[in-house]
Amino acid sequence: MSEPSTLSFTLTYAATLGVALLFFLAQVIAMSVLLALAGISAALTGTLQSMARLLSRF
């Protein structure tokens, strides 16, 4: 049978790695969402500027 202190150390280490993985995945998702929002806003800004330029000619 395993030593209790070794078992608790192993479980603590595994939990720390699990939490670190969750934090990493959350950061990847957050960065993906931010990049998507930046791209959408840039596309909308370009579209609205070209529409405004087109309508100002009339």
PDB file of N, CA and C in Angstrom:
ATOM      1  N   MET A   1       0.838  -1.184   0.000  1.00  0.00           N
ATOM      2  CA  MET A   1       0.000   0.000   0.000  1.00  0.00           C
ATOM      3  C   MET A   1       0.879   1.241   0.000  1.00  0.00           C
ATOM      4  N   SER A   2       0.390   2.269  -0.642  1.00  0.00           N
ATOM      5  CA  SER A   2       1.151   3.506  -0.797  1.00  0.00           C
ATOM      6  C   SER A   2       1.229   4.288   0.509  1.00  0.00           C
ATOM      7  N   GLU A   3       2.264   5.070   0.598  1.00  0.00           N
ATOM      8  CA  GLU A   3       2.415   5.976   1.747  1.00  0.00           C
ATOM      9  C   GLU A   3       1.365   7.081   1.633  1.00  0.00           C
ATOM     10  N   PRO A   4       0.654   7.418   2.715  1.00  0.00           N
ATOM     11  CA  PRO A   4      -0.394   8.445   2.628  1.00  0.00           C
ATOM     12  C   PRO A   4       0.146   9.813   2.197  1.00  0.00           C
ATOM     13  N   SER A   5       1.336  10.179   2.639  1.00  0.00           N
ATOM     14  CA  SER A   5       1.861  11.485   2.257  1.00  0.00           C
ATOM     15  C   SER A   5       2.200  11.517   0.770  1.00  0.00           C
ATOM     16  N   THR A   6       2.661  10.395   0.221  1.00  0.00           N
ATOM     17  CA  THR A   6       2.947  10.332  -1.210  1.00  0.00           C
ATOM     18  C   THR A   6       1.663  10.439  -2.016  1.00  0.00           C
ATOM     19  N   LEU A   7       0.620   9.780  -1.539  1.00  0.00           N
ATOM     20  CA  LEU A   7      -0.664   9.843  -2.227  1.00  0.00           C
ATOM     21  C   LEU A   7      -1.219  11.263  -2.217  1.00  0.00           C
ATOM     22  N   SER A   8      -1.146  11.935  -1.077  1.00  0.00           N
ATOM     23  CA  SER A   8      -1.673  13.299  -1.018  1.00  0.00           C
ATOM     24  C   SER A   8      -0.842  14.242  -1.880  1.00  0.00           C
ATOM     25  N   PHE A   9       0.466  14.035  -1.918  1.00  0.00           N
ATOM     26  CA  PHE A   9       1.314  14.852  -2.783  1.00  0.00           C
ATOM     27  C   PHE A   9       0.960  14.638  -4.243  1.00  0.00           C
ATOM     28  N   THR A  10       0.739  13.386  -4.628  1.00  0.00           N
ATOM     29  CA  THR A  10       0.391  13.070  -6.018  1.00  0.00           C
ATOM     30  C   THR A  10      -0.946  13.694  -6.397  1.00  0.00           C
ATOM     31  N   LEU A  11      -1.925  13.589  -5.511  1.00  0.00           N
ATOM     32  CA  LEU A  11      -3.235  14.174  -5.798  1.00  0.00           C
ATOM     33  C   LEU A  11      -3.165  15.693  -5.867  1.00  0.00           C
ATOM     34  N   THR A  12      -2.381  16.296  -4.986  1.00  0.00           N
ATOM     35  CA  THR A  12      -2.232  17.753  -5.014  1.00  0.00           C
ATOM     36  C   THR A  12      -1.553  18.195  -6.302  1.00  0.00           C
ATOM     37  N   TYR A  13      -0.524  17.465  -6.712  1.00  0.00           N
ATOM     38  CA  TYR A  13       0.182  17.799  -7.944  1.00  0.00           C
ATOM     39  C   TYR A  13      -0.741  17.643  -9.151  1.00  0.00           C
ATOM     40  N   ALA A  14      -1.516  16.581  -9.185  1.00  0.00           N
ATOM     41  CA  ALA A  14      -2.447  16.357 -10.301  1.00  0.00           C
ATOM     42  C   ALA A  14      -3.516  17.440 -10.333  1.00  0.00           C
ATOM     43  N   ALA A  15      -4.013  17.837  -9.179  1.00  0.00           N
ATOM     44  CA  ALA A  15      -5.026  18.893  -9.133  1.00  0.00           C
ATOM     45  C   ALA A  15      -4.444  20.217  -9.594  1.00  0.00           C
ATOM     46  N   THR A  16      -3.194  20.499  -9.225  1.00  0.00           N
ATOM     47  CA  THR A  16      -2.550  21.736  -9.665  1.00  0.00           C
ATOM     48  C   THR A  16      -2.399  21.752 -11.180  1.00  0.00           C
ATOM     49  N   LEU A  17      -1.983  20.638 -11.747  1.00  0.00           N
ATOM     50  CA  LEU A  17      -1.869  20.571 -13.207  1.00  0.00           C
ATOM     51  C   LEU A  17      -3.232  20.701 -13.882  1.00  0.00           C
ATOM     52  N   GLY A  18      -4.253  20.108 -13.274  1.00  0.00           N
ATOM     53  CA  GLY A  18      -5.597  20.225 -13.833  1.00  0.00           C
ATOM     54  C   GLY A  18      -6.107  21.651 -13.832  1.00  0.00           C
ATOM     55  N   VAL A  19      -5.887  22.357 -12.739  1.00  0.00           N
ATOM     56  CA  VAL A  19      -6.314  23.760 -12.663  1.00  0.00           C
ATOM     57  C   VAL A  19      -5.518  24.606 -13.642  1.00  0.00           C
ATOM     58  N   ALA A  20      -4.222  24.336 -13.774  1.00  0.00           N
ATOM     59  CA  ALA A  20      -3.398  25.078 -14.730  1.00  0.00           C
ATOM     60  C   ALA A  20      -3.891  24.854 -16.158  1.00  0.00           C
ATOM     61  N   LEU A  21      -4.278  23.635 -16.468  1.00  0.00           N
ATOM     62  CA  LEU A  21      -4.805  23.345 -17.801  1.00  0.00           C
ATOM     63  C   LEU A  21      -6.122  24.086 -18.038  1.00  0.00           C
ATOM     64  N   LEU A  22      -6.982  24.132 -17.031  1.00  0.00           N
ATOM     65  CA  LEU A  22      -8.240  24.867 -17.175  1.00  0.00           C
ATOM     66  C   LEU A  22      -8.001  26.354 -17.392  1.00  0.00           C
ATOM     67  N   PHE A  23      -7.068  26.935 -16.645  1.00  0.00           N
ATOM     68  CA  PHE A  23      -6.741  28.338 -16.825  1.00  0.00           C
ATOM     69  C   PHE A  23      -6.177  28.601 -18.220  1.00  0.00           C
ATOM     70  N   PHE A  24      -5.316  27.700 -18.696  1.00  0.00           N
ATOM     71  CA  PHE A  24      -4.744  27.859 -20.030  1.00  0.00           C
ATOM     72  C   PHE A  24      -5.837  27.810 -21.092  1.00  0.00           C
ATOM     73  N   LEU A  25      -6.749  26.867 -20.980  1.00  0.00           N
ATOM     74  CA  LEU A  25      -7.839  26.766 -21.956  1.00  0.00           C
ATOM     75  C   LEU A  25      -8.737  27.997 -21.906  1.00  0.00           C
ATOM     76  N   ALA A  26      -8.977  28.522 -20.709  1.00  0.00           N
ATOM     77  CA  ALA A  26      -9.795  29.732 -20.592  1.00  0.00           C
ATOM     78  C   ALA A  26      -9.106  30.914 -21.262  1.00  0.00           C
ATOM     79  N   GLN A  27      -7.798  31.018 -21.123  1.00  0.00           N
ATOM     80  CA  GLN A  27      -7.079  32.111 -21.770  1.00  0.00           C
ATOM     81  C   GLN A  27      -7.091  31.965 -23.287  1.00  0.00           C
ATOM     82  N   VAL A  28      -6.971  30.737 -23.786  1.00  0.00           N
ATOM     83  CA  VAL A  28      -7.030  30.515 -25.234  1.00  0.00           C
ATOM     84  C   VAL A  28      -8.402  30.906 -25.764  1.00  0.00           C
ATOM     85  N   ILE A  29      -9.447  30.530 -25.056  1.00  0.00           N
ATOM     86  CA  ILE A  29     -10.806  30.877 -25.493  1.00  0.00           C
ATOM     87  C   ILE A  29     -11.011  32.382 -25.441  1.00  0.00           C
ATOM     88  N   ALA A  30     -10.542  33.034 -24.370  1.00  0.00           N
ATOM     89  CA  ALA A  30     -10.701  34.479 -24.246  1.00  0.00           C
ATOM     90  C   ALA A  30      -9.960  35.208 -25.361  1.00  0.00           C
ATOM     91  N   MET A  31      -8.755  34.776 -25.677  1.00  0.00           N
ATOM     92  CA  MET A  31      -7.997  35.428 -26.754  1.00  0.00           C
ATOM     93  C   MET A  31      -8.669  35.199 -28.105  1.00  0.00           C
ATOM     94  N   SER A  32      -9.222  34.027 -28.324  1.00  0.00           N
ATOM     95  CA  SER A  32      -9.920  33.754 -29.582  1.00  0.00           C
ATOM     96  C   SER A  32     -11.141  34.652 -29.729  1.00  0.00           C
ATOM     97  N   VAL A  33     -11.882  34.812 -28.653  1.00  0.00           N
ATOM     98  CA  VAL A  33     -13.061  35.676 -28.693  1.00  0.00           C
ATOM     99  C   VAL A  33     -12.649  37.126 -28.943  1.00  0.00           C
ATOM    100  N   LEU A  34     -11.594  37.583 -28.273  1.00  0.00           N
ATOM    101  CA  LEU A  34     -11.137  38.956 -28.473  1.00  0.00           C
ATOM    102  C   LEU A  34     -10.651  39.192 -29.894  1.00  0.00           C
ATOM    103  N   LEU A  35      -9.917  38.238 -30.455  1.00  0.00           N
ATOM    104  CA  LEU A  35      -9.463  38.392 -31.833  1.00  0.00           C
ATOM    105  C   LEU A  35     -10.634  38.385 -32.815  1.00  0.00           C
ATOM    106  N   ALA A  36     -11.627  37.554 -32.561  1.00  0.00           N
ATOM    107  CA  ALA A  36     -12.810  37.528 -33.424  1.00  0.00           C
ATOM    108  C   ALA A  36     -13.562  38.856 -33.343  1.00  0.00           C
ATOM    109  N   LEU A  37     -13.709  39.396 -32.136  1.00  0.00           N
ATOM    110  CA  LEU A  37     -14.378  40.696 -31.992  1.00  0.00           C
ATOM    111  C   LEU A  37     -13.600  41.812 -32.675  1.00  0.00           C
ATOM    112  N   ALA A  38     -12.287  41.773 -32.582  1.00  0.00           N
ATOM    113  CA  ALA A  38     -11.468  42.792 -33.243  1.00  0.00           C
ATOM    114  C   ALA A  38     -11.617  42.696 -34.760  1.00  0.00           C
ATOM    115  N   GLY A  39     -11.626  41.492 -35.289  1.00  0.00           N
ATOM    116  CA  GLY A  39     -11.802  41.324 -36.729  1.00  0.00           C
ATOM    117  C   GLY A  39     -13.172  41.763 -37.205  1.00  0.00           C
ATOM    118  N   ILE A  40     -14.198  41.432 -36.447  1.00  0.00           N
ATOM    119  CA  ILE A  40     -15.558  41.837 -36.819  1.00  0.00           C
ATOM    120  C   ILE A  40     -15.695  43.350 -36.776  1.00  0.00           C
ATOM    121  N   SER A  41     -15.148  43.973 -35.735  1.00  0.00           N
ATOM    122  CA  SER A  41     -15.257  45.434 -35.637  1.00  0.00           C
ATOM    123  C   SER A  41     -14.463  46.121 -36.741  1.00  0.00           C
ATOM    124  N   ALA A  42     -13.315  45.570 -37.121  1.00  0.00           N
ATOM    125  CA  ALA A  42     -12.543  46.159 -38.224  1.00  0.00           C
ATOM    126  C   ALA A  42     -13.306  46.026 -39.542  1.00  0.00           C
ATOM    127  N   ALA A  43     -13.934  44.885 -39.762  1.00  0.00           N
ATOM    128  CA  ALA A  43     -14.702  44.687 -40.989  1.00  0.00           C
ATOM    129  C   ALA A  43     -15.910  45.618 -41.029  1.00  0.00           C
ATOM    130  N   LEU A  44     -16.597  45.760 -39.911  1.00  0.00           N
ATOM    131  CA  LEU A  44     -17.756  46.654 -39.875  1.00  0.00           C
ATOM    132  C   LEU A  44     -17.349  48.106 -40.050  1.00  0.00           C
ATOM    133  N   THR A  45     -16.227  48.487 -39.461  1.00  0.00           N
ATOM    134  CA  THR A  45     -15.754  49.860 -39.600  1.00  0.00           C
ATOM    135  C   THR A  45     -15.430  50.171 -41.050  1.00  0.00           C
ATOM    136  N   GLY A  46     -14.729  49.268 -41.721  1.00  0.00           N
ATOM    137  CA  GLY A  46     -14.420  49.476 -43.140  1.00  0.00           C
ATOM    138  C   GLY A  46     -15.670  49.558 -43.991  1.00  0.00           C
ATOM    139  N   THR A  47     -16.630  48.705 -43.720  1.00  0.00           N
ATOM    140  CA  THR A  47     -17.880  48.713 -44.475  1.00  0.00           C
ATOM    141  C   THR A  47     -18.642  50.008 -44.262  1.00  0.00           C
ATOM    142  N   LEU A  48     -18.747  50.438 -43.002  1.00  0.00           N
ATOM    143  CA  LEU A  48     -19.482  51.672 -42.716  1.00  0.00           C
ATOM    144  C   LEU A  48     -18.779  52.897 -43.291  1.00  0.00           C
ATOM    145  N   GLN A  49     -17.463  52.917 -43.254  1.00  0.00           N
ATOM    146  CA  GLN A  49     -16.741  54.047 -43.840  1.00  0.00           C
ATOM    147  C   GLN A  49     -16.936  54.111 -45.342  1.00  0.00           C
ATOM    148  N   SER A  50     -16.903  52.976 -46.013  1.00  0.00           N
ATOM    149  CA  SER A  50     -17.105  52.986 -47.464  1.00  0.00           C
ATOM    150  C   SER A  50     -18.541  53.363 -47.815  1.00  0.00           C
ATOM    151  N   MET A  51     -19.509  52.927 -47.004  1.00  0.00           N
ATOM    152  CA  MET A  51     -20.886  53.334 -47.239  1.00  0.00           C
ATOM    153  C   MET A  51     -21.074  54.822 -47.026  1.00  0.00           C
ATOM    154  N   ALA A  52     -20.436  55.369 -45.997  1.00  0.00           N
ATOM    155  CA  ALA A  52     -20.545  56.800 -45.734  1.00  0.00           C
ATOM    156  C   ALA A  52     -19.893  57.605 -46.848  1.00  0.00           C
ATOM    157  N   ARG A  53     -18.756  57.125 -47.358  1.00  0.00           N
ATOM    158  CA  ARG A  53     -18.089  57.814 -48.476  1.00  0.00           C
ATOM    159  C   ARG A  53     -18.980  57.773 -49.731  1.00  0.00           C
ATOM    160  N   LEU A  54     -19.634  56.630 -49.954  1.00  0.00           N
ATOM    161  CA  LEU A  54     -20.493  56.489 -51.117  1.00  0.00           C
ATOM    162  C   LEU A  54     -21.706  57.399 -50.998  1.00  0.00           C
ATOM    163  N   LEU A  55     -22.299  57.483 -49.824  1.00  0.00           N
ATOM    164  CA  LEU A  55     -23.498  58.301 -49.654  1.00  0.00           C
ATOM    165  C   LEU A  55     -23.174  59.780 -49.612  1.00  0.00           C
ATOM    166  N   SER A  56     -21.960  60.157 -49.268  1.00  0.00           N
ATOM    167  CA  SER A  56     -21.622  61.590 -49.207  1.00  0.00           C
ATOM    168  C   SER A  56     -21.421  62.185 -50.591  1.00  0.00           C
ATOM    169  N   ARG A  57     -21.329  61.345 -51.619  1.00  0.00           N
ATOM    170  CA  ARG A  57     -21.179  61.851 -52.976  1.00  0.00           C
ATOM    171  C   ARG A  57     -22.491  62.390 -53.520  1.00  0.00           C
ATOM    172  N   PHE A  58     -23.595  61.957 -52.935  1.00  0.00           N
ATOM    173  CA  PHE A  58     -24.902  62.377 -53.469  1.00  0.00           C
ATOM    174  C   PHE A  58     -25.348  63.642 -52.862  1.00  0.00           C
TER     175      PHE A  58
END
